[in-house]
Amino acid sequence: MSAFTKAWDESKTLAQAPTNDEKLDLYAYGKIANGEDFSAAKKPGMFDMVNKAKYNRWEKFHSEGVSKADAESKYVALVESLKGKYGTK
């Protein structure tokens, strides 16, 4: 099992929900790390605030040039810090 796959599974066992910003980072890094194509993503409507926030964070990291490998390592590091902050079930 890769470090990313392990972190992916561990992110679901946090004892407390992360903040919205932390969730958005997990979402965007996860999308990039899983190799999903941003250019194929459909932009959410302006009243779909949750999906719009997710899309915008993914777009931000994509435009910053975050690679698949970078996203995997950033995801793993973020999950490790969240485990320390919130603990696990």
PDB file of N, CA and C in Angstrom:
ATOM      1  N   MET A   1       0.857  -1.192   0.000  1.00  0.00           N
ATOM      2  CA  MET A   1       0.000   0.000   0.000  1.00  0.00           C
ATOM      3  C   MET A   1       0.896   1.247   0.000  1.00  0.00           C
ATOM      4  N   SER A   2       0.596   2.177  -0.874  1.00  0.00           N
ATOM      5  CA  SER A   2       1.392   3.403  -0.951  1.00  0.00           C
ATOM      6  C   SER A   2       1.060   4.321   0.229  1.00  0.00           C
ATOM      7  N   ALA A   3       1.957   5.262   0.488  1.00  0.00           N
ATOM      8  CA  ALA A   3       1.735   6.225   1.572  1.00  0.00           C
ATOM      9  C   ALA A   3       0.467   7.033   1.299  1.00  0.00           C
ATOM     10  N   PHE A   4       0.234   7.356   0.017  1.00  0.00           N
ATOM     11  CA  PHE A   4      -0.964   8.126  -0.334  1.00  0.00           C
ATOM     12  C   PHE A   4      -2.227   7.318  -0.059  1.00  0.00           C
ATOM     13  N   THR A   5      -2.241   6.055  -0.464  1.00  0.00           N
ATOM     14  CA  THR A   5      -3.416   5.202  -0.250  1.00  0.00           C
ATOM     15  C   THR A   5      -3.693   5.041   1.248  1.00  0.00           C
ATOM     16  N   LYS A   6      -2.624   4.871   2.007  1.00  0.00           N
ATOM     17  CA  LYS A   6      -2.760   4.743   3.465  1.00  0.00           C
ATOM     18  C   LYS A   6      -3.345   6.037   4.046  1.00  0.00           C
ATOM     19  N   ALA A   7      -2.816   7.182   3.623  1.00  0.00           N
ATOM     20  CA  ALA A   7      -3.318   8.474   4.111  1.00  0.00           C
ATOM     21  C   ALA A   7      -4.775   8.684   3.698  1.00  0.00           C
ATOM     22  N   TRP A   8      -5.113   8.248   2.480  1.00  0.00           N
ATOM     23  CA  TRP A   8      -6.493   8.371   1.982  1.00  0.00           C
ATOM     24  C   TRP A   8      -7.440   7.641   2.935  1.00  0.00           C
ATOM     25  N   ASP A   9      -7.062   6.410   3.293  1.00  0.00           N
ATOM     26  CA  ASP A   9      -7.889   5.618   4.211  1.00  0.00           C
ATOM     27  C   ASP A   9      -7.920   6.241   5.608  1.00  0.00           C
ATOM     28  N   GLU A  10      -6.767   6.718   6.072  1.00  0.00           N
ATOM     29  CA  GLU A  10      -6.691   7.307   7.413  1.00  0.00           C
ATOM     30  C   GLU A  10      -7.479   8.616   7.520  1.00  0.00           C
ATOM     31  N   SER A  11      -7.625   9.331   6.412  1.00  0.00           N
ATOM     32  CA  SER A  11      -8.360  10.602   6.451  1.00  0.00           C
ATOM     33  C   SER A  11      -9.827  10.381   6.828  1.00  0.00           C
ATOM     34  N   LYS A  12     -10.296   9.161   6.601  1.00  0.00           N
ATOM     35  CA  LYS A  12     -11.691   8.833   6.920  1.00  0.00           C
ATOM     36  C   LYS A  12     -11.862   8.406   8.375  1.00  0.00           C
ATOM     37  N   THR A  13     -10.756   8.312   9.125  1.00  0.00           N
ATOM     38  CA  THR A  13     -10.828   7.854  10.510  1.00  0.00           C
ATOM     39  C   THR A  13     -10.527   8.955  11.520  1.00  0.00           C
ATOM     40  N   LEU A  14     -10.504  10.199  11.062  1.00  0.00           N
ATOM     41  CA  LEU A  14     -10.231  11.306  11.987  1.00  0.00           C
ATOM     42  C   LEU A  14     -11.340  11.378  13.041  1.00  0.00           C
ATOM     43  N   ALA A  15     -10.956  11.622  14.278  1.00  0.00           N
ATOM     44  CA  ALA A  15     -11.918  11.652  15.384  1.00  0.00           C
ATOM     45  C   ALA A  15     -12.830  12.873  15.311  1.00  0.00           C
ATOM     46  N   GLN A  16     -12.381  13.903  14.633  1.00  0.00           N
ATOM     47  CA  GLN A  16     -13.139  15.143  14.519  1.00  0.00           C
ATOM     48  C   GLN A  16     -13.037  15.631  13.076  1.00  0.00           C
ATOM     49  N   ALA A  17     -14.049  16.292  12.610  1.00  0.00           N
ATOM     50  CA  ALA A  17     -14.037  16.799  11.231  1.00  0.00           C
ATOM     51  C   ALA A  17     -13.036  17.950  11.099  1.00  0.00           C
ATOM     52  N   PRO A  18     -12.252  17.929  10.028  1.00  0.00           N
ATOM     53  CA  PRO A  18     -11.325  19.041   9.769  1.00  0.00           C
ATOM     54  C   PRO A  18     -12.104  20.327   9.444  1.00  0.00           C
ATOM     55  N   THR A  19     -11.396  21.452   9.455  1.00  0.00           N
ATOM     56  CA  THR A  19     -12.017  22.721   9.093  1.00  0.00           C
ATOM     57  C   THR A  19     -12.368  22.686   7.607  1.00  0.00           C
ATOM     58  N   ASN A  20     -13.175  23.627   7.171  1.00  0.00           N
ATOM     59  CA  ASN A  20     -13.540  23.690   5.750  1.00  0.00           C
ATOM     60  C   ASN A  20     -12.307  23.866   4.868  1.00  0.00           C
ATOM     61  N   ASP A  21     -11.365  24.716   5.292  1.00  0.00           N
ATOM     62  CA  ASP A  21     -10.147  24.917   4.503  1.00  0.00           C
ATOM     63  C   ASP A  21      -9.343  23.635   4.404  1.00  0.00           C
ATOM     64  N   GLU A  22      -9.248  22.885   5.512  1.00  0.00           N
ATOM     65  CA  GLU A  22      -8.524  21.620   5.495  1.00  0.00           C
ATOM     66  C   GLU A  22      -9.222  20.615   4.578  1.00  0.00           C
ATOM     67  N   LYS A  23     -10.544  20.598   4.625  1.00  0.00           N
ATOM     68  CA  LYS A  23     -11.304  19.691   3.746  1.00  0.00           C
ATOM     69  C   LYS A  23     -11.085  20.046   2.276  1.00  0.00           C
ATOM     70  N   LEU A  24     -11.054  21.340   1.982  1.00  0.00           N
ATOM     71  CA  LEU A  24     -10.842  21.771   0.595  1.00  0.00           C
ATOM     72  C   LEU A  24      -9.455  21.378   0.107  1.00  0.00           C
ATOM     73  N   ASP A  25      -8.449  21.499   0.977  1.00  0.00           N
ATOM     74  CA  ASP A  25      -7.095  21.084   0.604  1.00  0.00           C
ATOM     75  C   ASP A  25      -7.052  19.577   0.357  1.00  0.00           C
ATOM     76  N   LEU A  26      -7.676  18.803   1.244  1.00  0.00           N
ATOM     77  CA  LEU A  26      -7.726  17.348   1.050  1.00  0.00           C
ATOM     78  C   LEU A  26      -8.388  17.004  -0.276  1.00  0.00           C
ATOM     79  N   TYR A  27      -9.489  17.680  -0.560  1.00  0.00           N
ATOM     80  CA  TYR A  27     -10.230  17.432  -1.806  1.00  0.00           C
ATOM     81  C   TYR A  27      -9.351  17.713  -3.029  1.00  0.00           C
ATOM     82  N   ALA A  28      -8.759  18.911  -3.057  1.00  0.00           N
ATOM     83  CA  ALA A  28      -7.989  19.320  -4.236  1.00  0.00           C
ATOM     84  C   ALA A  28      -6.733  18.469  -4.406  1.00  0.00           C
ATOM     85  N   TYR A  29      -6.001  18.222  -3.327  1.00  0.00           N
ATOM     86  CA  TYR A  29      -4.812  17.371  -3.440  1.00  0.00           C
ATOM     87  C   TYR A  29      -5.216  15.959  -3.850  1.00  0.00           C
ATOM     88  N   GLY A  30      -6.325  15.480  -3.317  1.00  0.00           N
ATOM     89  CA  GLY A  30      -6.814  14.151  -3.676  1.00  0.00           C
ATOM     90  C   GLY A  30      -7.159  14.045  -5.150  1.00  0.00           C
ATOM     91  N   LYS A  31      -7.818  15.065  -5.688  1.00  0.00           N
ATOM     92  CA  LYS A  31      -8.177  15.064  -7.114  1.00  0.00           C
ATOM     93  C   LYS A  31      -6.916  14.997  -7.986  1.00  0.00           C
ATOM     94  N   ILE A  32      -5.927  15.825  -7.648  1.00  0.00           N
ATOM     95  CA  ILE A  32      -4.696  15.861  -8.441  1.00  0.00           C
ATOM     96  C   ILE A  32      -3.922  14.552  -8.275  1.00  0.00           C
ATOM     97  N   ALA A  33      -3.814  14.075  -7.029  1.00  0.00           N
ATOM     98  CA  ALA A  33      -3.065  12.843  -6.756  1.00  0.00           C
ATOM     99  C   ALA A  33      -3.695  11.634  -7.451  1.00  0.00           C
ATOM    100  N   ASN A  34      -5.012  11.647  -7.600  1.00  0.00           N
ATOM    101  CA  ASN A  34      -5.704  10.554  -8.288  1.00  0.00           C
ATOM    102  C   ASN A  34      -5.659  10.701  -9.807  1.00  0.00           C
ATOM    103  N   GLY A  35      -5.009  11.758 -10.295  1.00  0.00           N
ATOM    104  CA  GLY A  35      -4.820  11.942 -11.730  1.00  0.00           C
ATOM    105  C   GLY A  35      -6.055  12.424 -12.472  1.00  0.00           C
ATOM    106  N   GLU A  36      -6.978  13.037 -11.757  1.00  0.00           N
ATOM    107  CA  GLU A  36      -8.197  13.515 -12.423  1.00  0.00           C
ATOM    108  C   GLU A  36      -7.885  14.747 -13.263  1.00  0.00           C
ATOM    109  N   ASP A  37      -8.523  14.839 -14.405  1.00  0.00           N
ATOM    110  CA  ASP A  37      -8.267  15.885 -15.395  1.00  0.00           C
ATOM    111  C   ASP A  37      -9.096  17.133 -15.083  1.00  0.00           C
ATOM    112  N   PHE A  38      -8.397  18.191 -14.657  1.00  0.00           N
ATOM    113  CA  PHE A  38      -9.103  19.421 -14.317  1.00  0.00           C
ATOM    114  C   PHE A  38      -9.813  20.017 -15.528  1.00  0.00           C
ATOM    115  N   SER A  39      -9.195  19.920 -16.695  1.00  0.00           N
ATOM    116  CA  SER A  39      -9.786  20.536 -17.891  1.00  0.00           C
ATOM    117  C   SER A  39     -11.123  19.890 -18.265  1.00  0.00           C
ATOM    118  N   ALA A  40     -11.360  18.658 -17.791  1.00  0.00           N
ATOM    119  CA  ALA A  40     -12.624  17.976 -18.075  1.00  0.00           C
ATOM    120  C   ALA A  40     -13.690  18.253 -17.018  1.00  0.00           C
ATOM    121  N   ALA A  41     -13.291  18.950 -15.941  1.00  0.00           N
ATOM    122  CA  ALA A  41     -14.233  19.236 -14.856  1.00  0.00           C
ATOM    123  C   ALA A  41     -15.239  20.304 -15.282  1.00  0.00           C
ATOM    124  N   LYS A  42     -16.477  20.072 -14.919  1.00  0.00           N
ATOM    125  CA  LYS A  42     -17.529  21.025 -15.233  1.00  0.00           C
ATOM    126  C   LYS A  42     -17.617  22.045 -14.104  1.00  0.00           C
ATOM    127  N   LYS A  43     -17.626  23.317 -14.463  1.00  0.00           N
ATOM    128  CA  LYS A  43     -17.682  24.377 -13.456  1.00  0.00           C
ATOM    129  C   LYS A  43     -19.090  24.407 -12.840  1.00  0.00           C
ATOM    130  N   PRO A  44     -19.165  24.375 -11.491  1.00  0.00           N
ATOM    131  CA  PRO A  44     -20.482  24.395 -10.838  1.00  0.00           C
ATOM    132  C   PRO A  44     -21.185  25.746 -11.008  1.00  0.00           C
ATOM    133  N   GLY A  45     -22.493  25.715 -10.862  1.00  0.00           N
ATOM    134  CA  GLY A  45     -23.281  26.944 -10.946  1.00  0.00           C
ATOM    135  C   GLY A  45     -22.969  27.891  -9.808  1.00  0.00           C
ATOM    136  N   MET A  46     -23.310  29.147  -9.979  1.00  0.00           N
ATOM    137  CA  MET A  46     -22.918  30.141  -8.983  1.00  0.00           C
ATOM    138  C   MET A  46     -23.641  29.984  -7.648  1.00  0.00           C
ATOM    139  N   PHE A  47     -24.743  29.267  -7.597  1.00  0.00           N
ATOM    140  CA  PHE A  47     -25.449  29.075  -6.333  1.00  0.00           C
ATOM    141  C   PHE A  47     -25.052  27.770  -5.633  1.00  0.00           C
ATOM    142  N   ASP A  48     -24.209  26.991  -6.278  1.00  0.00           N
ATOM    143  CA  ASP A  48     -23.721  25.735  -5.702  1.00  0.00           C
ATOM    144  C   ASP A  48     -22.419  26.031  -4.945  1.00  0.00           C
ATOM    145  N   MET A  49     -22.568  26.629  -3.774  1.00  0.00           N
ATOM    146  CA  MET A  49     -21.416  27.155  -3.037  1.00  0.00           C
ATOM    147  C   MET A  49     -20.390  26.085  -2.639  1.00  0.00           C
ATOM    148  N   VAL A  50     -20.852  24.933  -2.185  1.00  0.00           N
ATOM    149  CA  VAL A  50     -19.936  23.888  -1.737  1.00  0.00           C
ATOM    150  C   VAL A  50     -19.082  23.390  -2.898  1.00  0.00           C
ATOM    151  N   ASN A  51     -19.733  23.005  -3.991  1.00  0.00           N
ATOM    152  CA  ASN A  51     -18.974  22.495  -5.139  1.00  0.00           C
ATOM    153  C   ASN A  51     -18.154  23.580  -5.818  1.00  0.00           C
ATOM    154  N   LYS A  52     -18.617  24.812  -5.732  1.00  0.00           N
ATOM    155  CA  LYS A  52     -17.854  25.928  -6.293  1.00  0.00           C
ATOM    156  C   LYS A  52     -16.553  26.119  -5.501  1.00  0.00           C
ATOM    157  N   ALA A  53     -16.636  26.001  -4.170  1.00  0.00           N
ATOM    158  CA  ALA A  53     -15.440  26.123  -3.332  1.00  0.00           C
ATOM    159  C   ALA A  53     -14.450  25.000  -3.640  1.00  0.00           C
ATOM    160  N   LYS A  54     -14.961  23.783  -3.811  1.00  0.00           N
ATOM    161  CA  LYS A  54     -14.106  22.641  -4.152  1.00  0.00           C
ATOM    162  C   LYS A  54     -13.426  22.863  -5.496  1.00  0.00           C
ATOM    163  N   TYR A  55     -14.213  23.284  -6.477  1.00  0.00           N
ATOM    164  CA  TYR A  55     -13.699  23.532  -7.821  1.00  0.00           C
ATOM    165  C   TYR A  55     -12.617  24.616  -7.786  1.00  0.00           C
ATOM    166  N   ASN A  56     -12.886  25.698  -7.057  1.00  0.00           N
ATOM    167  CA  ASN A  56     -11.941  26.816  -6.993  1.00  0.00           C
ATOM    168  C   ASN A  56     -10.616  26.410  -6.357  1.00  0.00           C
ATOM    169  N   ARG A  57     -10.670  25.569  -5.307  1.00  0.00           N
ATOM    170  CA  ARG A  57      -9.428  25.135  -4.664  1.00  0.00           C
ATOM    171  C   ARG A  57      -8.644  24.221  -5.611  1.00  0.00           C
ATOM    172  N   TRP A  58      -9.356  23.329  -6.295  1.00  0.00           N
ATOM    173  CA  TRP A  58      -8.707  22.438  -7.270  1.00  0.00           C
ATOM    174  C   TRP A  58      -8.083  23.277  -8.382  1.00  0.00           C
ATOM    175  N   GLU A  59      -8.817  24.280  -8.863  1.00  0.00           N
ATOM    176  CA  GLU A  59      -8.309  25.162  -9.919  1.00  0.00           C
ATOM    177  C   GLU A  59      -7.055  25.901  -9.446  1.00  0.00           C
ATOM    178  N   LYS A  60      -7.067  26.372  -8.208  1.00  0.00           N
ATOM    179  CA  LYS A  60      -5.921  27.111  -7.646  1.00  0.00           C
ATOM    180  C   LYS A  60      -4.671  26.230  -7.658  1.00  0.00           C
ATOM    181  N   PHE A  61      -4.775  25.014  -7.127  1.00  0.00           N
ATOM    182  CA  PHE A  61      -3.613  24.125  -7.082  1.00  0.00           C
ATOM    183  C   PHE A  61      -3.188  23.714  -8.487  1.00  0.00           C
ATOM    184  N   HIS A  62      -4.164  23.491  -9.364  1.00  0.00           N
ATOM    185  CA  HIS A  62      -3.858  23.129 -10.749  1.00  0.00           C
ATOM    186  C   HIS A  62      -3.081  24.260 -11.428  1.00  0.00           C
ATOM    187  N   SER A  63      -3.541  25.500 -11.243  1.00  0.00           N
ATOM    188  CA  SER A  63      -2.879  26.638 -11.891  1.00  0.00           C
ATOM    189  C   SER A  63      -1.507  26.923 -11.280  1.00  0.00           C
ATOM    190  N   GLU A  64      -1.303  26.495 -10.025  1.00  0.00           N
ATOM    191  CA  GLU A  64       0.017  26.646  -9.393  1.00  0.00           C
ATOM    192  C   GLU A  64       0.989  25.567  -9.874  1.00  0.00           C
ATOM    193  N   GLY A  65       0.478  24.626 -10.661  1.00  0.00           N
ATOM    194  CA  GLY A  65       1.335  23.593 -11.228  1.00  0.00           C
ATOM    195  C   GLY A  65       1.655  22.454 -10.273  1.00  0.00           C
ATOM    196  N   VAL A  66       0.776  22.200  -9.307  1.00  0.00           N
ATOM    197  CA  VAL A  66       0.992  21.090  -8.376  1.00  0.00           C
ATOM    198  C   VAL A  66       0.930  19.777  -9.165  1.00  0.00           C
ATOM    199  N   SER A  67       2.018  19.025  -9.116  1.00  0.00           N
ATOM    200  CA  SER A  67       2.085  17.761  -9.859  1.00  0.00           C
ATOM    201  C   SER A  67       1.405  16.650  -9.065  1.00  0.00           C
ATOM    202  N   LYS A  68       1.211  15.519  -9.739  1.00  0.00           N
ATOM    203  CA  LYS A  68       0.609  14.353  -9.088  1.00  0.00           C
ATOM    204  C   LYS A  68       1.455  13.933  -7.882  1.00  0.00           C
ATOM    205  N   ALA A  69       2.774  13.871  -8.052  1.00  0.00           N
ATOM    206  CA  ALA A  69       3.678  13.471  -6.964  1.00  0.00           C
ATOM    207  C   ALA A  69       3.643  14.487  -5.818  1.00  0.00           C
ATOM    208  N   ASP A  70       3.628  15.789  -6.167  1.00  0.00           N
ATOM    209  CA  ASP A  70       3.550  16.829  -5.138  1.00  0.00           C
ATOM    210  C   ASP A  70       2.237  16.714  -4.365  1.00  0.00           C
ATOM    211  N   ALA A  71       1.151  16.493  -5.094  1.00  0.00           N
ATOM    212  CA  ALA A  71      -0.162  16.392  -4.458  1.00  0.00           C
ATOM    213  C   ALA A  71      -0.216  15.202  -3.506  1.00  0.00           C
ATOM    214  N   GLU A  72       0.379  14.080  -3.927  1.00  0.00           N
ATOM    215  CA  GLU A  72       0.405  12.908  -3.063  1.00  0.00           C
ATOM    216  C   GLU A  72       1.155  13.205  -1.771  1.00  0.00           C
ATOM    217  N   SER A  73       2.341  13.816  -1.880  1.00  0.00           N
ATOM    218  CA  SER A  73       3.127  14.080  -0.677  1.00  0.00           C
ATOM    219  C   SER A  73       2.467  15.141   0.201  1.00  0.00           C
ATOM    220  N   LYS A  74       1.849  16.146  -0.407  1.00  0.00           N
ATOM    221  CA  LYS A  74       1.156  17.179   0.374  1.00  0.00           C
ATOM    222  C   LYS A  74      -0.074  16.583   1.068  1.00  0.00           C
ATOM    223  N   TYR A  75      -0.764  15.678   0.401  1.00  0.00           N
ATOM    224  CA  TYR A  75      -1.930  15.015   0.991  1.00  0.00           C
ATOM    225  C   TYR A  75      -1.495  14.199   2.205  1.00  0.00           C
ATOM    226  N   VAL A  76      -0.437  13.413   2.048  1.00  0.00           N
ATOM    227  CA  VAL A  76       0.065  12.584   3.145  1.00  0.00           C
ATOM    228  C   VAL A  76       0.472  13.461   4.328  1.00  0.00           C
ATOM    229  N   ALA A  77       1.201  14.543   4.056  1.00  0.00           N
ATOM    230  CA  ALA A  77       1.639  15.445   5.126  1.00  0.00           C
ATOM    231  C   ALA A  77       0.447  16.091   5.828  1.00  0.00           C
ATOM    232  N   LEU A  78      -0.557  16.482   5.053  1.00  0.00           N
ATOM    233  CA  LEU A  78      -1.745  17.108   5.641  1.00  0.00           C
ATOM    234  C   LEU A  78      -2.490  16.122   6.527  1.00  0.00           C
ATOM    235  N   VAL A  79      -2.659  14.895   6.068  1.00  0.00           N
ATOM    236  CA  VAL A  79      -3.359  13.885   6.876  1.00  0.00           C
ATOM    237  C   VAL A  79      -2.580  13.617   8.159  1.00  0.00           C
ATOM    238  N   GLU A  80      -1.259  13.548   8.073  1.00  0.00           N
ATOM    239  CA  GLU A  80      -0.448  13.327   9.280  1.00  0.00           C
ATOM    240  C   GLU A  80      -0.655  14.463  10.285  1.00  0.00           C
ATOM    241  N   SER A  81      -0.684  15.706   9.795  1.00  0.00           N
ATOM    242  CA  SER A  81      -0.889  16.842  10.708  1.00  0.00           C
ATOM    243  C   SER A  81      -2.305  16.827  11.289  1.00  0.00           C
ATOM    244  N   LEU A  82      -3.293  16.416  10.490  1.00  0.00           N
ATOM    245  CA  LEU A  82      -4.674  16.347  10.980  1.00  0.00           C
ATOM    246  C   LEU A  82      -4.830  15.242  12.021  1.00  0.00           C
ATOM    247  N   LYS A  83      -4.120  14.129  11.830  1.00  0.00           N
ATOM    248  CA  LYS A  83      -4.158  13.049  12.823  1.00  0.00           C
ATOM    249  C   LYS A  83      -3.605  13.548  14.158  1.00  0.00           C
ATOM    250  N   GLY A  84      -2.539  14.348  14.100  1.00  0.00           N
ATOM    251  CA  GLY A  84      -1.976  14.915  15.319  1.00  0.00           C
ATOM    252  C   GLY A  84      -2.903  15.934  15.957  1.00  0.00           C
ATOM    253  N   LYS A  85      -3.599  16.680  15.140  1.00  0.00           N
ATOM    254  CA  LYS A  85      -4.500  17.737  15.623  1.00  0.00           C
ATOM    255  C   LYS A  85      -5.820  17.185  16.169  1.00  0.00           C
ATOM    256  N   TYR A  86      -6.406  16.211  15.466  1.00  0.00           N
ATOM    257  CA  TYR A  86      -7.738  15.724  15.808  1.00  0.00           C
ATOM    258  C   TYR A  86      -7.776  14.297  16.378  1.00  0.00           C
ATOM    259  N   GLY A  87      -6.699  13.551  16.181  1.00  0.00           N
ATOM    260  CA  GLY A  87      -6.698  12.147  16.596  1.00  0.00           C
ATOM    261  C   GLY A  87      -7.521  11.299  15.628  1.00  0.00           C
ATOM    262  N   THR A  88      -7.544  10.002  15.892  1.00  0.00           N
ATOM    263  CA  THR A  88      -8.317   9.090  15.038  1.00  0.00           C
ATOM    264  C   THR A  88      -9.275   8.272  15.881  1.00  0.00           C
ATOM    265  N   LYS A  89     -10.280   7.725  15.205  1.00  0.00           N
ATOM    266  CA  LYS A  89     -11.289   6.905  15.892  1.00  0.00           C
ATOM    267  C   LYS A  89     -10.746   5.526  16.201  1.00  0.00           C
TER     268      LYS A  89
END
